[in-house]
């Protein structure tokens, strides 16, 4: 099942997407997506709605999407792919014992079609295409063996960052948390319909060129380990999002990399999950005082 949140005149509505003759069609739901992810009667109603989708249902392309969920927490991993290491660290060094975790604040959340404004003070904006986990039920001190039972589905997050601000301090918050710096979506693929999260291909396309291409089979910390690890410290709630890190850019992309600029577009595509295209814009000029 693919779940979206649609912006309507009456407010956000959950929806379920079905492809008919190559066109995504949507049935709107009475339940929020986070309740569908939690299962129970809301999930049953979503299943009934999925079965009702027809050629008369609205086309996904004609709808405006919000982020599929509004997470209470957005937790992210740094350097979780082999070959992607911090500046000055040998990529061939031994794997770390624990993941490098940071937080993106609520103001960073953006819908899949929202333009991301590059702030005037951001001089080295960059993209990171990542597989993201969506929690379906409350998880506290869960074991790695049980952790996947708390994962409701998977989506895509673009961890937009400003490297200049990121390098100015040991903590990354100011480089990671500009408004709109976490586009999410376009949908959530429920866990029962998703591929093995440890065997999907993560790719990023910029200017028509593939700049990132690496399988999640090369991650250091599995989805199950990450969910268990985080749940030892904090209670994970339904709708929380955990972004699993980005692979290193390909050598040619590293050599030719330039900071993001207004007018740029970046597409993150993950096999079995979908595609998320983020467009970047300049800030609106200030007028008056």
Protein backbone atom coordinates (compact mmCIF):
# COMPACT_ATOMS: atom_id res chain seq x y z
CA UNK A 1 0.00 0.00 0.00
CA UNK A 2 1.21 3.52 -0.87
CA UNK A 3 -0.07 6.24 1.42
CA UNK A 4 -0.01 9.98 0.79
CA UNK A 5 -1.28 13.11 2.49
CA UNK A 6 -3.19 15.45 0.18
CA UNK A 7 -3.67 19.16 0.74
CA UNK A 8 -7.35 20.04 0.31
CA UNK A 9 -9.45 23.13 0.93
CA UNK A 10 -10.76 21.43 4.06
CA UNK A 11 -7.29 20.55 5.35
CA UNK A 12 -4.92 17.60 4.91
CA UNK A 13 -6.45 14.23 3.97
CA UNK A 14 -4.86 10.84 3.88
CA UNK A 15 -4.96 8.96 0.62
CA UNK A 16 -4.05 5.62 -0.91
CA UNK A 17 -2.45 5.39 -4.37
CA UNK A 18 -3.09 2.73 -7.00
CA UNK A 19 -1.64 2.65 -10.52
CA UNK A 20 -4.26 2.12 -13.22
CA UNK A 21 -3.08 1.98 -16.84
CA UNK A 22 0.16 3.66 -15.78
CA UNK A 23 -1.53 6.55 -13.98
CA UNK A 24 -1.49 6.94 -10.22
CA UNK A 25 -5.04 7.29 -8.90
CA UNK A 26 -5.96 8.26 -5.35
CA UNK A 27 -8.76 7.39 -2.95
CA UNK A 28 -9.02 9.93 -0.14
CA UNK A 29 -9.33 8.58 3.39
CA UNK A 30 -11.18 9.74 6.47
CA UNK A 31 -8.28 8.62 8.68
CA UNK A 32 -4.89 10.35 8.94
CA UNK A 33 -2.00 8.39 7.49
CA UNK A 34 -0.41 7.93 10.92
CA UNK A 35 -3.54 6.10 12.12
CA UNK A 36 -3.53 3.87 9.04
CA UNK A 37 0.10 3.01 9.74
CA UNK A 38 -0.81 1.99 13.28
CA UNK A 39 -3.13 -0.71 11.89
CA UNK A 40 -6.50 -1.73 13.25
CA UNK A 41 -9.75 -0.45 11.80
CA UNK A 42 -8.10 2.52 10.08
CA UNK A 43 -5.89 0.14 8.12
CA UNK A 44 -8.89 -1.95 7.16
CA UNK A 45 -10.73 1.13 5.90
CA UNK A 46 -7.68 2.11 3.87
CA UNK A 47 -7.61 -1.36 2.35
CA UNK A 48 -11.25 -1.02 1.37
CA UNK A 49 -10.51 2.38 -0.18
CA UNK A 50 -7.56 0.92 -2.08
CA UNK A 51 -9.85 -1.72 -3.58
CA UNK A 52 -12.28 0.99 -4.70
CA UNK A 53 -9.80 3.04 -6.75
CA UNK A 54 -10.87 3.31 -10.40
CA UNK A 55 -10.34 5.35 -13.55
CA UNK A 56 -12.79 7.87 -12.07
CA UNK A 57 -10.56 8.47 -9.04
CA UNK A 58 -8.48 11.66 -9.00
CA UNK A 59 -5.06 11.47 -10.64
CA UNK A 60 -2.15 11.81 -8.26
CA UNK A 61 -0.53 14.35 -10.59
CA UNK A 62 -3.51 16.66 -10.18
CA UNK A 63 -3.27 16.75 -6.39
CA UNK A 64 -1.02 18.78 -4.10
CA UNK A 65 0.83 16.58 -1.65
CA UNK A 66 2.04 17.42 1.83
CA UNK A 67 4.67 15.30 3.55
CA UNK A 68 3.01 11.90 4.02
CA UNK A 69 3.28 12.19 7.83
CA UNK A 70 4.12 14.99 10.25
CA UNK A 71 6.69 13.36 12.50
CA UNK A 72 7.21 14.31 16.10
CA UNK A 73 10.89 13.49 15.60
CA UNK A 74 13.13 13.40 12.53
CA UNK A 75 16.25 11.44 13.43
CA UNK A 76 19.08 11.11 10.92
CA UNK A 77 22.25 9.07 10.56
CA UNK A 78 25.59 10.32 9.32
CA UNK A 79 28.17 8.16 7.59
CA UNK A 80 26.12 4.95 7.56
CA UNK A 81 27.37 3.67 4.19
CA UNK A 82 30.72 2.04 3.74
CA UNK A 83 32.97 4.31 1.73
CA UNK A 84 31.32 7.46 3.13
CA UNK A 85 33.48 8.83 5.93
CA UNK A 86 33.92 12.17 7.73
CA UNK A 87 36.53 14.61 6.46
CA UNK A 88 40.00 13.39 7.38
CA UNK A 89 38.91 9.81 8.17
CA UNK A 90 40.14 6.91 6.07
CA UNK A 91 37.10 5.40 4.24
CA UNK A 92 38.76 1.98 4.63
CA UNK A 93 38.96 2.30 8.43
CA UNK A 94 37.08 -0.15 10.64
CA UNK A 95 33.33 0.33 11.03
CA UNK A 96 32.28 2.47 13.99
CA UNK A 97 30.64 0.71 16.93
CA UNK A 98 27.63 3.03 17.01
CA UNK A 99 25.82 5.25 14.50
CA UNK A 100 26.32 9.01 14.33
CA UNK A 101 22.83 10.41 15.07
CA UNK A 102 21.54 13.95 14.66
CA UNK A 103 18.15 15.65 14.64
CA UNK A 104 16.34 17.74 12.04
CA UNK A 105 13.88 20.11 13.70
CA UNK A 106 10.15 20.34 12.78
CA UNK A 107 10.61 23.48 10.65
CA UNK A 108 12.66 21.46 8.17
CA UNK A 109 9.74 19.29 7.01
CA UNK A 110 8.58 19.93 3.44
CA UNK A 111 6.14 18.26 1.08
CA UNK A 112 7.37 16.36 -1.96
CA UNK A 113 6.36 19.14 -4.35
CA UNK A 114 7.43 22.08 -2.22
CA UNK A 115 10.27 24.25 -3.48
CA UNK A 116 13.10 24.43 -0.96
CA UNK A 117 14.34 27.97 -0.42
CA UNK A 118 18.12 28.31 -0.17
CA UNK A 119 18.64 30.91 2.56
CA UNK A 120 20.67 33.99 1.70
CA UNK A 121 23.27 32.95 4.26
CA UNK A 122 23.70 29.43 2.86
CA UNK A 123 26.77 29.40 0.63
CA UNK A 124 27.37 25.65 0.32
CA UNK A 125 23.95 23.97 0.11
CA UNK A 126 24.04 20.26 -0.68
CA UNK A 127 21.67 17.30 -1.05
CA UNK A 128 21.60 13.81 0.47
CA UNK A 129 19.21 11.16 -0.83
CA UNK A 130 18.15 8.74 1.88
CA UNK A 131 15.87 5.82 2.65
CA UNK A 132 13.67 6.82 5.58
CA UNK A 133 11.89 4.60 8.11
CA UNK A 134 8.43 5.50 9.44
CA UNK A 135 7.51 4.17 12.87
CA UNK A 136 4.04 2.63 13.20
CA UNK A 137 3.69 1.93 16.91
CA UNK A 138 5.33 3.08 20.11
CA UNK A 139 8.80 1.56 20.52
CA UNK A 140 10.75 1.65 23.77
CA UNK A 141 13.78 -0.52 24.52
CA UNK A 142 12.97 -2.97 21.74
CA UNK A 143 15.41 -5.68 20.69
CA UNK A 144 16.98 -5.84 17.22
CA UNK A 145 15.07 -9.09 16.68
CA UNK A 146 11.74 -7.37 17.30
CA UNK A 147 12.53 -3.94 15.87
CA UNK A 148 11.12 -4.39 12.36
CA UNK A 149 7.68 -5.06 13.84
CA UNK A 150 7.60 -1.38 14.86
CA UNK A 151 8.38 -0.15 11.33
CA UNK A 152 5.18 0.73 9.46
CA UNK A 153 6.76 1.67 6.16
CA UNK A 154 9.43 3.41 4.15
CA UNK A 155 9.72 6.69 2.28
CA UNK A 156 12.38 9.04 0.89
CA UNK A 157 14.03 12.00 2.59
CA UNK A 158 16.36 14.57 1.05
CA UNK A 159 18.63 15.65 3.89
CA UNK A 160 19.37 19.12 2.51
CA UNK A 161 22.36 20.65 4.28
CA UNK A 162 24.50 23.75 4.21
CA UNK A 163 28.07 22.51 4.54
CA UNK A 164 29.49 25.90 5.48
CA UNK A 165 27.24 26.19 8.54
CA UNK A 166 27.76 22.51 9.29
CA UNK A 167 31.55 22.93 9.44
CA UNK A 168 31.41 25.96 11.74
CA UNK A 169 30.77 23.86 14.85
CA UNK A 170 31.03 20.33 16.20
CA UNK A 171 27.22 20.01 16.32
CA UNK A 172 25.50 19.98 12.93
CA UNK A 173 22.14 21.59 13.77
CA UNK A 174 22.68 24.95 12.06
CA UNK A 175 23.80 23.27 8.87
CA UNK A 176 20.87 20.86 8.81
CA UNK A 177 17.87 22.78 10.10
CA UNK A 178 17.01 25.63 7.75
CA UNK A 179 13.31 25.89 6.92
CA UNK A 180 12.25 23.21 4.43
CA UNK A 181 15.55 21.28 4.55
CA UNK A 182 13.79 17.88 4.91
CA UNK A 183 11.58 17.18 1.88
CA UNK A 184 9.77 13.90 2.53
CA UNK A 185 7.71 11.62 0.32
CA UNK A 186 6.06 11.40 -2.06
CA UNK A 187 4.39 8.50 -0.24
CA UNK A 188 4.98 5.84 2.34
CA UNK A 189 5.22 2.27 1.10
CA UNK A 190 3.86 0.09 3.89
CA UNK A 191 6.24 -2.50 5.26
CA UNK A 192 4.20 -5.41 3.91
CA UNK A 193 4.53 -4.04 0.36
CA UNK A 194 8.12 -2.75 0.59
CA UNK A 195 11.26 -4.55 -0.56
CA UNK A 196 13.92 -5.73 1.86
CA UNK A 197 15.26 -2.43 3.30
CA UNK A 198 18.76 -3.93 3.33
CA UNK A 199 18.69 -4.54 -0.41
CA UNK A 200 17.47 -1.47 -2.29
CA UNK A 201 19.41 0.81 -4.61
CA UNK A 202 19.66 4.47 -3.59
CA UNK A 203 20.38 6.83 -6.48
CA UNK A 204 20.45 10.60 -6.89
CA UNK A 205 20.15 12.39 -10.22
CA UNK A 206 21.28 15.99 -10.68
CA UNK A 207 21.39 17.81 -14.00
CA UNK A 208 20.47 14.53 -15.70
CA UNK A 209 23.53 12.78 -14.25
CA UNK A 210 23.53 10.01 -11.64
CA UNK A 211 25.69 11.40 -8.81
CA UNK A 212 24.97 8.74 -6.16
CA UNK A 213 24.37 5.02 -6.67
CA UNK A 214 24.80 2.50 -3.86
CA UNK A 215 22.83 -0.33 -2.31
CA UNK A 216 21.59 -0.32 1.27
CA UNK A 217 23.32 -3.71 1.46
CA UNK A 218 26.45 -1.64 2.15
CA UNK A 219 25.09 0.19 5.18
CA UNK A 220 26.97 -0.30 8.43
CA UNK A 221 23.89 -0.29 10.65
CA UNK A 222 20.74 -2.12 9.59
CA UNK A 223 17.22 -0.73 9.93
CA UNK A 224 16.54 -3.20 12.74
CA UNK A 225 19.67 -2.19 14.63
CA UNK A 226 18.98 1.52 14.24
CA UNK A 227 15.39 1.27 15.50
CA UNK A 228 16.49 -0.82 18.47
CA UNK A 229 19.46 1.45 19.22
CA UNK A 230 17.42 4.65 19.22
CA UNK A 231 14.64 3.09 21.28
CA UNK A 232 17.10 2.48 24.13
CA UNK A 233 17.38 6.25 24.57
CA UNK A 234 14.00 7.64 23.57
CA UNK A 235 10.51 6.35 22.96
CA UNK A 236 9.77 6.26 19.25
CA UNK A 237 6.20 7.28 18.47
CA UNK A 238 3.92 6.52 15.50
CA UNK A 239 4.83 8.79 12.60
CA UNK A 240 8.41 9.39 13.74
CA UNK A 241 10.89 9.33 10.86
CA UNK A 242 14.40 7.89 10.91
CA UNK A 243 16.55 8.71 7.88
CA UNK A 244 19.23 6.09 7.32
CA UNK A 245 22.05 8.14 5.79
CA UNK A 246 23.38 8.79 2.33
CA UNK A 247 26.02 7.07 0.23
CA UNK A 248 29.12 8.94 -0.88
CA UNK A 249 28.85 10.76 -4.20
CA UNK A 250 30.42 9.01 -7.16
CA UNK A 251 33.99 10.15 -7.94
CA UNK A 252 33.07 12.19 -11.04
CA UNK A 253 30.24 13.86 -9.13
CA UNK A 254 32.58 14.74 -6.27
CA UNK A 255 35.09 16.22 -8.66
CA UNK A 256 32.49 18.39 -10.45
CA UNK A 257 30.28 19.19 -7.45
CA UNK A 258 28.98 22.72 -7.01
CA UNK A 259 26.67 24.06 -4.29
CA UNK A 260 22.95 23.97 -4.96
CA UNK A 261 21.53 27.13 -6.51
CA UNK A 262 18.04 28.47 -7.21
CA UNK A 263 16.57 26.71 -10.23
CA UNK A 264 18.33 23.41 -9.52
CA UNK A 265 16.39 20.16 -9.18
CA UNK A 266 17.54 16.92 -7.57
CA UNK A 267 15.78 13.56 -7.84
CA UNK A 268 16.26 10.81 -5.28
CA UNK A 269 15.10 7.41 -6.45
CA UNK A 270 15.04 4.23 -4.41
CA UNK A 271 14.18 0.89 -5.98
CA UNK A 272 10.83 -0.41 -4.83
CA UNK A 273 10.01 2.84 -3.01
CA UNK A 274 9.77 5.58 -5.64
CA UNK A 275 11.17 8.98 -6.58
CA UNK A 276 11.34 12.33 -4.80
CA UNK A 277 12.23 15.41 -6.83
CA UNK A 278 13.20 18.56 -4.94
CA UNK A 279 13.40 21.94 -6.65
CA UNK A 280 15.37 24.79 -5.15
CA UNK A 281 14.43 28.45 -5.09
CA UNK A 282 15.80 31.81 -4.05
CA UNK A 283 14.41 33.59 -0.99
CA UNK A 284 11.69 36.16 -1.59
CA UNK A 285 13.26 39.63 -1.60
CA UNK A 286 12.40 41.70 1.44
CA UNK A 287 10.47 44.89 0.87
CA UNK A 288 10.49 47.84 3.24
CA UNK A 289 11.55 47.48 6.86
